[in-house]
């Protein structure tokens, strides 16, 4: 009885050791998976930061471009007014309004 009990205990120990090895392997796989995910997340975070900076630069460039467009539109309007005034002056000079 004593030897059989000892044999059963050994078998249980071997079974427990085998299960522990399996659990250890599964945990190591999970650790590797999480390390890979962390690496991907780190790269993604860096990309998001780069995109944030690039977006800020593009917004500033857009703001500058819009300001230049407004300035160009203002100058264009003033030039059109000057052309209209010059056309009136030329028309007045060309019309025979002065009779001798």
PDB file of N, CA and C in Angstrom:
ATOM      1  N   UNK A   1       0.813  -1.201   0.000  1.00  0.00           N
ATOM      2  CA  UNK A   1       0.000   0.000   0.000  1.00  0.00           C
ATOM      3  C   UNK A   1       0.845   1.248   0.000  1.00  0.00           C
ATOM      4  N   UNK A   2       1.954   1.183   0.765  1.00  0.00           N
ATOM      5  CA  UNK A   2       2.798   2.369   0.875  1.00  0.00           C
ATOM      6  C   UNK A   2       3.482   2.678  -0.458  1.00  0.00           C
ATOM      7  N   UNK A   3       3.934   1.625  -1.149  1.00  0.00           N
ATOM      8  CA  UNK A   3       4.615   1.827  -2.436  1.00  0.00           C
ATOM      9  C   UNK A   3       3.636   2.318  -3.489  1.00  0.00           C
ATOM     10  N   UNK A   4       2.439   1.782  -3.470  1.00  0.00           N
ATOM     11  CA  UNK A   4       1.433   2.214  -4.449  1.00  0.00           C
ATOM     12  C   UNK A   4       1.054   3.674  -4.209  1.00  0.00           C
ATOM     13  N   UNK A   5       0.943   4.070  -2.969  1.00  0.00           N
ATOM     14  CA  UNK A   5       0.655   5.471  -2.631  1.00  0.00           C
ATOM     15  C   UNK A   5       1.784   6.369  -3.125  1.00  0.00           C
ATOM     16  N   UNK A   6       3.010   5.912  -2.948  1.00  0.00           N
ATOM     17  CA  UNK A   6       4.170   6.666  -3.414  1.00  0.00           C
ATOM     18  C   UNK A   6       4.148   6.795  -4.935  1.00  0.00           C
ATOM     19  N   UNK A   7       3.804   5.720  -5.631  1.00  0.00           N
ATOM     20  CA  UNK A   7       3.735   5.727  -7.096  1.00  0.00           C
ATOM     21  C   UNK A   7       2.641   6.694  -7.559  1.00  0.00           C
ATOM     22  N   UNK A   8       1.489   6.665  -6.913  1.00  0.00           N
ATOM     23  CA  UNK A   8       0.401   7.591  -7.262  1.00  0.00           C
ATOM     24  C   UNK A   8       0.831   9.041  -7.055  1.00  0.00           C
ATOM     25  N   UNK A   9       1.545   9.285  -5.975  1.00  0.00           N
ATOM     26  CA  UNK A   9       2.039  10.641  -5.699  1.00  0.00           C
ATOM     27  C   UNK A   9       3.021  11.084  -6.778  1.00  0.00           C
ATOM     28  N   UNK A  10       3.884  10.181  -7.203  1.00  0.00           N
ATOM     29  CA  UNK A  10       4.838  10.511  -8.264  1.00  0.00           C
ATOM     30  C   UNK A  10       4.110  10.829  -9.562  1.00  0.00           C
ATOM     31  N   UNK A  11       3.107  10.023  -9.898  1.00  0.00           N
ATOM     32  CA  UNK A  11       2.336  10.264 -11.121  1.00  0.00           C
ATOM     33  C   UNK A  11       1.625  11.615 -11.060  1.00  0.00           C
ATOM     34  N   UNK A  12       1.054  11.899  -9.904  1.00  0.00           N
ATOM     35  CA  UNK A  12       0.391  13.207  -9.739  1.00  0.00           C
ATOM     36  C   UNK A  12       1.388  14.346  -9.873  1.00  0.00           C
ATOM     37  N   UNK A  13       2.586  14.166  -9.304  1.00  0.00           N
ATOM     38  CA  UNK A  13       3.633  15.189  -9.414  1.00  0.00           C
ATOM     39  C   UNK A  13       4.038  15.383 -10.871  1.00  0.00           C
ATOM     40  N   UNK A  14       4.198  14.280 -11.610  1.00  0.00           N
ATOM     41  CA  UNK A  14       4.557  14.382 -13.020  1.00  0.00           C
ATOM     42  C   UNK A  14       3.454  15.084 -13.807  1.00  0.00           C
ATOM     43  N   UNK A  15       2.207  14.742 -13.482  1.00  0.00           N
ATOM     44  CA  UNK A  15       1.068  15.374 -14.139  1.00  0.00           C
ATOM     45  C   UNK A  15       1.043  16.876 -13.847  1.00  0.00           C
ATOM     46  N   UNK A  16       1.252  17.229 -12.591  1.00  0.00           N
ATOM     47  CA  UNK A  16       1.278  18.648 -12.195  1.00  0.00           C
ATOM     48  C   UNK A  16       2.431  19.363 -12.894  1.00  0.00           C
ATOM     49  N   UNK A  17       3.611  18.739 -12.962  1.00  0.00           N
ATOM     50  CA  UNK A  17       4.766  19.350 -13.639  1.00  0.00           C
ATOM     51  C   UNK A  17       4.470  19.562 -15.117  1.00  0.00           C
ATOM     52  N   UNK A  18       3.825  18.581 -15.751  1.00  0.00           N
ATOM     53  CA  UNK A  18       3.485  18.707 -17.161  1.00  0.00           C
ATOM     54  C   UNK A  18       2.508  19.868 -17.364  1.00  0.00           C
ATOM     55  N   UNK A  19       1.510  19.961 -16.494  1.00  0.00           N
ATOM     56  CA  UNK A  19       0.546  21.064 -16.586  1.00  0.00           C
ATOM     57  C   UNK A  19       1.228  22.407 -16.346  1.00  0.00           C
ATOM     58  N   UNK A  20       2.170  22.439 -15.417  1.00  0.00           N
ATOM     59  CA  UNK A  20       2.902  23.683 -15.145  1.00  0.00           C
ATOM     60  C   UNK A  20       3.733  24.104 -16.357  1.00  0.00           C
ATOM     61  N   UNK A  21       4.370  23.104 -17.016  1.00  0.00           N
ATOM     62  CA  UNK A  21       5.148  23.428 -18.220  1.00  0.00           C
ATOM     63  C   UNK A  21       4.238  24.002 -19.309  1.00  0.00           C
ATOM     64  N   UNK A  22       3.056  23.404 -19.452  1.00  0.00           N
ATOM     65  CA  UNK A  22       2.092  23.879 -20.434  1.00  0.00           C
ATOM     66  C   UNK A  22       1.651  25.313 -20.117  1.00  0.00           C
ATOM     67  N   UNK A  23       1.333  25.548 -18.852  1.00  0.00           N
ATOM     68  CA  UNK A  23       0.919  26.891 -18.430  1.00  0.00           C
ATOM     69  C   UNK A  23       2.057  27.883 -18.649  1.00  0.00           C
ATOM     70  N   UNK A  24       3.289  27.476 -18.336  1.00  0.00           N
ATOM     71  CA  UNK A  24       4.451  28.346 -18.531  1.00  0.00           C
ATOM     72  C   UNK A  24       4.608  28.691 -20.007  1.00  0.00           C
ATOM     73  N   UNK A  25       4.438  27.690 -20.893  1.00  0.00           N
ATOM     74  CA  UNK A  25       4.548  27.925 -22.332  1.00  0.00           C
ATOM     75  C   UNK A  25       3.451  28.880 -22.810  1.00  0.00           C
ATOM     76  N   UNK A  26       2.221  28.661 -22.316  1.00  0.00           N
ATOM     77  CA  UNK A  26       1.110  29.536 -22.691  1.00  0.00           C
ATOM     78  C   UNK A  26       1.354  30.971 -22.216  1.00  0.00           C
ATOM     79  N   UNK A  27       1.856  31.090 -20.989  1.00  0.00           N
ATOM     80  CA  UNK A  27       2.154  32.428 -20.455  1.00  0.00           C
ATOM     81  C   UNK A  27       3.266  33.103 -21.263  1.00  0.00           C
ATOM     82  N   UNK A  28       4.280  32.344 -21.657  1.00  0.00           N
ATOM     83  CA  UNK A  28       5.375  32.915 -22.453  1.00  0.00           C
ATOM     84  C   UNK A  28       4.852  33.374 -23.822  1.00  0.00           C
ATOM     85  N   UNK A  29       3.959  32.566 -24.415  1.00  0.00           N
ATOM     86  CA  UNK A  29       3.341  32.976 -25.679  1.00  0.00           C
ATOM     87  C   UNK A  29       2.573  34.278 -25.505  1.00  0.00           C
ATOM     88  N   UNK A  30       1.837  34.371 -24.406  1.00  0.00           N
ATOM     89  CA  UNK A  30       1.063  35.594 -24.144  1.00  0.00           C
ATOM     90  C   UNK A  30       1.993  36.784 -23.920  1.00  0.00           C
ATOM     91  N   UNK A  31       3.093  36.574 -23.200  1.00  0.00           N
ATOM     92  CA  UNK A  31       4.080  37.641 -22.977  1.00  0.00           C
ATOM     93  C   UNK A  31       4.632  38.118 -24.321  1.00  0.00           C
ATOM     94  N   UNK A  32       4.983  37.159 -25.189  1.00  0.00           N
ATOM     95  CA  UNK A  32       5.516  37.527 -26.505  1.00  0.00           C
ATOM     96  C   UNK A  32       4.480  38.305 -27.327  1.00  0.00           C
ATOM     97  N   UNK A  33       3.244  37.854 -27.257  1.00  0.00           N
ATOM     98  CA  UNK A  33       2.161  38.535 -27.969  1.00  0.00           C
ATOM     99  C   UNK A  33       1.992  39.968 -27.449  1.00  0.00           C
ATOM    100  N   UNK A  34       2.034  40.128 -26.138  1.00  0.00           N
ATOM    101  CA  UNK A  34       1.871  41.463 -25.550  1.00  0.00           C
ATOM    102  C   UNK A  34       3.060  42.368 -25.869  1.00  0.00           C
ATOM    103  N   UNK A  35       4.270  41.793 -25.906  1.00  0.00           N
ATOM    104  CA  UNK A  35       5.449  42.586 -26.285  1.00  0.00           C
ATOM    105  C   UNK A  35       5.316  43.085 -27.718  1.00  0.00           C
ATOM    106  N   UNK A  36       4.855  42.200 -28.594  1.00  0.00           N
ATOM    107  CA  UNK A  36       4.666  42.590 -29.997  1.00  0.00           C
ATOM    108  C   UNK A  36       3.610  43.678 -30.118  1.00  0.00           C
ATOM    109  N   UNK A  37       2.524  43.530 -29.359  1.00  0.00           N
ATOM    110  CA  UNK A  37       1.466  44.539 -29.386  1.00  0.00           C
ATOM    111  C   UNK A  37       1.971  45.873 -28.843  1.00  0.00           C
ATOM    112  N   UNK A  38       2.779  45.824 -27.798  1.00  0.00           N
ATOM    113  CA  UNK A  38       3.353  47.049 -27.254  1.00  0.00           C
ATOM    114  C   UNK A  38       4.232  47.734 -28.288  1.00  0.00           C
ATOM    115  N   UNK A  39       5.018  46.951 -28.999  1.00  0.00           N
ATOM    116  CA  UNK A  39       5.883  47.500 -30.044  1.00  0.00           C
ATOM    117  C   UNK A  39       5.039  48.170 -31.135  1.00  0.00           C
ATOM    118  N   UNK A  40       3.970  47.488 -31.552  1.00  0.00           N
ATOM    119  CA  UNK A  40       3.082  48.070 -32.573  1.00  0.00           C
ATOM    120  C   UNK A  40       2.436  49.351 -32.059  1.00  0.00           C
ATOM    121  N   UNK A  41       1.992  49.332 -30.808  1.00  0.00           N
ATOM    122  CA  UNK A  41       1.360  50.520 -30.221  1.00  0.00           C
ATOM    123  C   UNK A  41       2.331  51.682 -30.133  1.00  0.00           C
ATOM    124  N   UNK A  42       3.584  51.377 -29.808  1.00  0.00           N
ATOM    125  CA  UNK A  42       4.605  52.428 -29.717  1.00  0.00           C
ATOM    126  C   UNK A  42       4.822  53.065 -31.084  1.00  0.00           C
ATOM    127  N   UNK A  43       4.912  52.213 -32.112  1.00  0.00           N
ATOM    128  CA  UNK A  43       5.083  52.744 -33.480  1.00  0.00           C
ATOM    129  C   UNK A  43       3.871  53.568 -33.894  1.00  0.00           C
ATOM    130  N   UNK A  44       2.685  53.059 -33.588  1.00  0.00           N
ATOM    131  CA  UNK A  44       1.456  53.778 -33.937  1.00  0.00           C
ATOM    132  C   UNK A  44       1.394  55.117 -33.204  1.00  0.00           C
ATOM    133  N   UNK A  45       1.806  55.143 -31.951  1.00  0.00           N
ATOM    134  CA  UNK A  45       1.816  56.380 -31.169  1.00  0.00           C
ATOM    135  C   UNK A  45       2.755  57.403 -31.797  1.00  0.00           C
ATOM    136  N   UNK A  46       3.923  56.943 -32.230  1.00  0.00           N
ATOM    137  CA  UNK A  46       4.882  57.844 -32.881  1.00  0.00           C
ATOM    138  C   UNK A  46       4.292  58.389 -34.181  1.00  0.00           C
ATOM    139  N   UNK A  47       3.601  57.531 -34.922  1.00  0.00           N
ATOM    140  CA  UNK A  47       2.985  57.989 -36.173  1.00  0.00           C
ATOM    141  C   UNK A  47       1.889  59.021 -35.898  1.00  0.00           C
ATOM    142  N   UNK A  48       1.101  58.786 -34.864  1.00  0.00           N
ATOM    143  CA  UNK A  48       0.038  59.737 -34.518  1.00  0.00           C
ATOM    144  C   UNK A  48       0.647  61.094 -34.148  1.00  0.00           C
ATOM    145  N   UNK A  49       1.737  61.061 -33.381  1.00  0.00           N
ATOM    146  CA  UNK A  49       2.393  62.323 -33.007  1.00  0.00           C
ATOM    147  C   UNK A  49       2.918  63.039 -34.242  1.00  0.00           C
ATOM    148  N   UNK A  50       3.541  62.289 -35.170  1.00  0.00           N
ATOM    149  CA  UNK A  50       4.041  62.890 -36.415  1.00  0.00           C
ATOM    150  C   UNK A  50       2.900  63.496 -37.216  1.00  0.00           C
ATOM    151  N   UNK A  51       1.781  62.766 -37.298  1.00  0.00           N
ATOM    152  CA  UNK A  51       0.632  63.278 -38.040  1.00  0.00           C
ATOM    153  C   UNK A  51       0.050  64.526 -37.372  1.00  0.00           C
ATOM    154  N   UNK A  52       0.062  64.555 -36.048  1.00  0.00           N
ATOM    155  CA  UNK A  52      -0.432  65.724 -35.318  1.00  0.00           C
ATOM    156  C   UNK A  52       0.411  66.956 -35.658  1.00  0.00           C
ATOM    157  N   UNK A  53       1.742  66.769 -35.657  1.00  0.00           N
ATOM    158  CA  UNK A  53       2.652  67.882 -35.986  1.00  0.00           C
ATOM    159  C   UNK A  53       2.441  68.311 -37.438  1.00  0.00           C
ATOM    160  N   UNK A  54       2.354  67.324 -38.336  1.00  0.00           N
ATOM    161  CA  UNK A  54       2.157  67.640 -39.754  1.00  0.00           C
ATOM    162  C   UNK A  54       0.835  68.369 -39.965  1.00  0.00           C
ATOM    163  N   UNK A  55      -0.203  67.936 -39.267  1.00  0.00           N
ATOM    164  CA  UNK A  55      -1.505  68.590 -39.375  1.00  0.00           C
ATOM    165  C   UNK A  55      -1.430  70.047 -38.902  1.00  0.00           C
ATOM    166  N   UNK A  56      -0.730  70.276 -37.814  1.00  0.00           N
ATOM    167  CA  UNK A  56      -0.574  71.648 -37.312  1.00  0.00           C
ATOM    168  C   UNK A  56       0.154  72.512 -38.347  1.00  0.00           C
ATOM    169  N   UNK A  57       1.187  71.947 -38.976  1.00  0.00           N
ATOM    170  CA  UNK A  57       1.926  72.691 -39.999  1.00  0.00           C
ATOM    171  C   UNK A  57       1.035  72.988 -41.205  1.00  0.00           C
ATOM    172  N   UNK A  58       0.224  72.004 -41.600  1.00  0.00           N
ATOM    173  CA  UNK A  58      -0.672  72.215 -42.742  1.00  0.00           C
ATOM    174  C   UNK A  58      -1.737  73.265 -42.424  1.00  0.00           C
ATOM    175  N   UNK A  59      -2.235  73.242 -41.188  1.00  0.00           N
ATOM    176  CA  UNK A  59      -3.216  74.261 -40.803  1.00  0.00           C
ATOM    177  C   UNK A  59      -2.610  75.659 -40.853  1.00  0.00           C
ATOM    178  N   UNK A  60      -1.374  75.783 -40.406  1.00  0.00           N
ATOM    179  CA  UNK A  60      -0.699  77.082 -40.444  1.00  0.00           C
ATOM    180  C   UNK A  60      -0.486  77.521 -41.896  1.00  0.00           C
ATOM    181  N   UNK A  61      -0.065  76.585 -42.752  1.00  0.00           N
ATOM    182  CA  UNK A  61       0.135  76.904 -44.167  1.00  0.00           C
ATOM    183  C   UNK A  61      -1.192  77.318 -44.817  1.00  0.00           C
ATOM    184  N   UNK A  62      -2.283  76.637 -44.445  1.00  0.00           N
ATOM    185  CA  UNK A  62      -3.599  76.992 -44.975  1.00  0.00           C
ATOM    186  C   UNK A  62      -3.995  78.397 -44.531  1.00  0.00           C
ATOM    187  N   UNK A  63      -3.740  78.698 -43.268  1.00  0.00           N
ATOM    188  CA  UNK A  63      -4.058  80.031 -42.732  1.00  0.00           C
ATOM    189  C   UNK A  63      -3.290  81.113 -43.495  1.00  0.00           C
ATOM    190  N   UNK A  64      -1.998  80.874 -43.729  1.00  0.00           N
ATOM    191  CA  UNK A  64      -1.171  81.840 -44.464  1.00  0.00           C
ATOM    192  C   UNK A  64      -1.698  81.996 -45.890  1.00  0.00           C
ATOM    193  N   UNK A  65      -2.049  80.876 -46.525  1.00  0.00           N
ATOM    194  CA  UNK A  65      -2.562  80.914 -47.901  1.00  0.00           C
ATOM    195  C   UNK A  65      -3.880  81.676 -47.975  1.00  0.00           C
ATOM    196  N   UNK A  66      -4.761  81.432 -47.005  1.00  0.00           N
ATOM    197  CA  UNK A  66      -6.040  82.153 -46.993  1.00  0.00           C
ATOM    198  C   UNK A  66      -5.820  83.649 -46.802  1.00  0.00           C
ATOM    199  N   UNK A  67      -4.854  84.012 -45.945  1.00  0.00           N
ATOM    200  CA  UNK A  67      -4.556  85.429 -45.733  1.00  0.00           C
ATOM    201  C   UNK A  67      -4.030  86.060 -47.013  1.00  0.00           C
ATOM    202  N   UNK A  68      -3.151  85.338 -47.721  1.00  0.00           N
ATOM    203  CA  UNK A  68      -2.618  85.841 -48.996  1.00  0.00           C
ATOM    204  C   UNK A  68      -3.731  85.992 -50.020  1.00  0.00           C
ATOM    205  N   UNK A  69      -4.674  85.054 -50.029  1.00  0.00           N
ATOM    206  CA  UNK A  69      -5.789  85.133 -50.967  1.00  0.00           C
ATOM    207  C   UNK A  69      -6.638  86.364 -50.672  1.00  0.00           C
ATOM    208  N   UNK A  70      -6.918  86.623 -49.397  1.00  0.00           N
ATOM    209  CA  UNK A  70      -7.700  87.815 -49.035  1.00  0.00           C
ATOM    210  C   UNK A  70      -6.975  89.085 -49.472  1.00  0.00           C
ATOM    211  N   UNK A  71      -5.655  89.119 -49.250  1.00  0.00           N
ATOM    212  CA  UNK A  71      -4.865  90.286 -49.659  1.00  0.00           C
ATOM    213  C   UNK A  71      -4.924  90.458 -51.172  1.00  0.00           C
ATOM    214  N   UNK A  72      -4.789  89.363 -51.908  1.00  0.00           N
ATOM    215  CA  UNK A  72      -4.838  89.425 -53.368  1.00  0.00           C
ATOM    216  C   UNK A  72      -6.216  89.889 -53.840  1.00  0.00           C
ATOM    217  N   UNK A  73      -7.263  89.410 -53.183  1.00  0.00           N
ATOM    218  CA  UNK A  73      -8.616  89.836 -53.552  1.00  0.00           C
ATOM    219  C   UNK A  73      -8.808  91.331 -53.288  1.00  0.00           C
ATOM    220  N   UNK A  74      -8.280  91.814 -52.170  1.00  0.00           N
ATOM    221  CA  UNK A  74      -8.371  93.248 -51.861  1.00  0.00           C
ATOM    222  C   UNK A  74      -7.635  94.074 -52.918  1.00  0.00           C
ATOM    223  N   UNK A  75      -6.414  93.644 -53.261  1.00  0.00           N
ATOM    224  CA  UNK A  75      -5.635  94.361 -54.277  1.00  0.00           C
ATOM    225  C   UNK A  75      -6.346  94.309 -55.626  1.00  0.00           C
ATOM    226  N   UNK A  76      -6.933  93.177 -55.962  1.00  0.00           N
ATOM    227  CA  UNK A  76      -7.663  93.025 -57.216  1.00  0.00           C
ATOM    228  C   UNK A  76      -8.854  93.986 -57.262  1.00  0.00           C
ATOM    229  N   UNK A  77      -9.576  94.074 -56.146  1.00  0.00           N
ATOM    230  CA  UNK A  77     -10.718  94.984 -56.069  1.00  0.00           C
ATOM    231  C   UNK A  77     -10.265  96.434 -56.281  1.00  0.00           C
ATOM    232  N   UNK A  78      -9.167  96.822 -55.624  1.00  0.00           N
ATOM    233  CA  UNK A  78      -8.656  98.190 -55.773  1.00  0.00           C
ATOM    234  C   UNK A  78      -8.224  98.458 -57.206  1.00  0.00           C
ATOM    235  N   UNK A  79      -7.579  97.473 -57.821  1.00  0.00           N
ATOM    236  CA  UNK A  79      -7.164  97.638 -59.225  1.00  0.00           C
ATOM    237  C   UNK A  79      -8.372  97.776 -60.140  1.00  0.00           C
ATOM    238  N   UNK A  80      -9.420  96.987 -59.894  1.00  0.00           N
ATOM    239  CA  UNK A  80     -10.635  97.111 -60.708  1.00  0.00           C
ATOM    240  C   UNK A  80     -11.269  98.490 -60.556  1.00  0.00           C
ATOM    241  N   UNK A  81     -11.249  99.029 -59.344  1.00  0.00           N
ATOM    242  CA  UNK A  81     -11.771 100.391 -59.130  1.00  0.00           C
ATOM    243  C   UNK A  81     -10.948 101.415 -59.896  1.00  0.00           C
ATOM    244  N   UNK A  82      -9.625 101.276 -59.845  1.00  0.00           N
ATOM    245  CA  UNK A  82      -8.747 102.201 -60.577  1.00  0.00           C
ATOM    246  C   UNK A  82      -8.993 102.101 -62.080  1.00  0.00           C
ATOM    247  N   UNK A  83      -9.174 100.889 -62.591  1.00  0.00           N
ATOM    248  CA  UNK A  83      -9.440 100.707 -64.020  1.00  0.00           C
ATOM    249  C   UNK A  83     -10.755 101.373 -64.398  1.00  0.00           C
ATOM    250  N   UNK A  84     -11.765 101.174 -63.550  1.00  0.00           N
ATOM    251  CA  UNK A  84     -13.070 101.798 -63.823  1.00  0.00           C
ATOM    252  C   UNK A  84     -12.933 103.317 -63.821  1.00  0.00           C
ATOM    253  N   UNK A  85     -12.190 103.864 -62.859  1.00  0.00           N
ATOM    254  CA  UNK A  85     -11.973 105.319 -62.810  1.00  0.00           C
ATOM    255  C   UNK A  85     -11.200 105.802 -64.036  1.00  0.00           C
ATOM    256  N   UNK A  86     -10.166 105.067 -64.429  1.00  0.00           N
ATOM    257  CA  UNK A  86      -9.398 105.447 -65.617  1.00  0.00           C
ATOM    258  C   UNK A  86     -10.267 105.381 -66.873  1.00  0.00           C
ATOM    259  N   UNK A  87     -11.115 104.373 -66.966  1.00  0.00           N
ATOM    260  CA  UNK A  87     -12.030 104.275 -68.121  1.00  0.00           C
ATOM    261  C   UNK A  87     -12.974 105.470 -68.178  1.00  0.00           C
ATOM    262  N   UNK A  88     -13.461 105.899 -66.987  1.00  0.00           N
ATOM    263  CA  UNK A  88     -14.331 107.079 -66.938  1.00  0.00           C
ATOM    264  C   UNK A  88     -13.579 108.322 -67.400  1.00  0.00           C
ATOM    265  N   UNK A  89     -12.330 108.455 -66.922  1.00  0.00           N
ATOM    266  CA  UNK A  89     -11.521 109.626 -67.311  1.00  0.00           C
ATOM    267  C   UNK A  89     -11.288 109.619 -68.825  1.00  0.00           C
ATOM    268  N   UNK A  90     -10.920 108.455 -69.368  1.00  0.00           N
ATOM    269  CA  UNK A  90     -10.671 108.363 -70.819  1.00  0.00           C
ATOM    270  C   UNK A  90     -11.944 108.656 -71.587  1.00  0.00           C
ATOM    271  N   UNK A  91     -13.073 108.143 -71.112  1.00  0.00           N
ATOM    272  CA  UNK A  91     -14.355 108.376 -71.779  1.00  0.00           C
ATOM    273  C   UNK A  91     -14.686 109.873 -71.759  1.00  0.00           C
ATOM    274  N   UNK A  92     -14.446 110.508 -70.599  1.00  0.00           N
ATOM    275  CA  UNK A  92     -14.713 111.944 -70.483  1.00  0.00           C
ATOM    276  C   UNK A  92     -13.792 112.756 -71.388  1.00  0.00           C
ATOM    277  N   UNK A  93     -12.525 112.343 -71.490  1.00  0.00           N
ATOM    278  CA  UNK A  93     -11.584 113.050 -72.358  1.00  0.00           C
ATOM    279  C   UNK A  93     -11.935 112.836 -73.823  1.00  0.00           C
ATOM    280  N   UNK A  94     -12.419 111.673 -74.151  1.00  0.00           N
ATOM    281  CA  UNK A  94     -12.739 111.345 -75.554  1.00  0.00           C
ATOM    282  C   UNK A  94     -14.062 111.940 -75.980  1.00  0.00           C
ATOM    283  N   UNK A  95     -14.972 112.184 -75.062  1.00  0.00           N
ATOM    284  CA  UNK A  95     -16.278 112.705 -75.455  1.00  0.00           C
ATOM    285  C   UNK A  95     -16.157 114.192 -75.772  1.00  0.00           C
ATOM    286  N   UNK A  96     -16.819 114.601 -76.821  1.00  0.00           N
ATOM    287  CA  UNK A  96     -16.750 116.028 -77.219  1.00  0.00           C
ATOM    288  C   UNK A  96     -17.652 116.891 -76.346  1.00  0.00           C
ATOM    289  N   UNK A  97     -17.359 116.938 -75.071  1.00  0.00           N
ATOM    290  CA  UNK A  97     -18.190 117.744 -74.176  1.00  0.00           C
ATOM    291  C   UNK A  97     -17.779 119.203 -74.222  1.00  0.00           C
ATOM    292  N   UNK A  98     -16.525 119.460 -74.640  1.00  0.00           N
ATOM    293  CA  UNK A  98     -16.065 120.848 -74.732  1.00  0.00           C
ATOM    294  C   UNK A  98     -16.278 121.344 -76.145  1.00  0.00           C
ATOM    295  N   UNK A  99     -17.197 122.200 -76.308  1.00  0.00           N
ATOM    296  CA  UNK A  99     -17.434 122.779 -77.639  1.00  0.00           C
ATOM    297  C   UNK A  99     -16.848 124.176 -77.657  1.00  0.00           C
ATOM    298  N   UNK A 100     -16.054 124.475 -78.677  1.00  0.00           N
ATOM    299  CA  UNK A 100     -15.468 125.824 -78.721  1.00  0.00           C
ATOM    300  C   UNK A 100     -16.468 126.889 -79.090  1.00  0.00           C
TER     301      UNK A 100
END
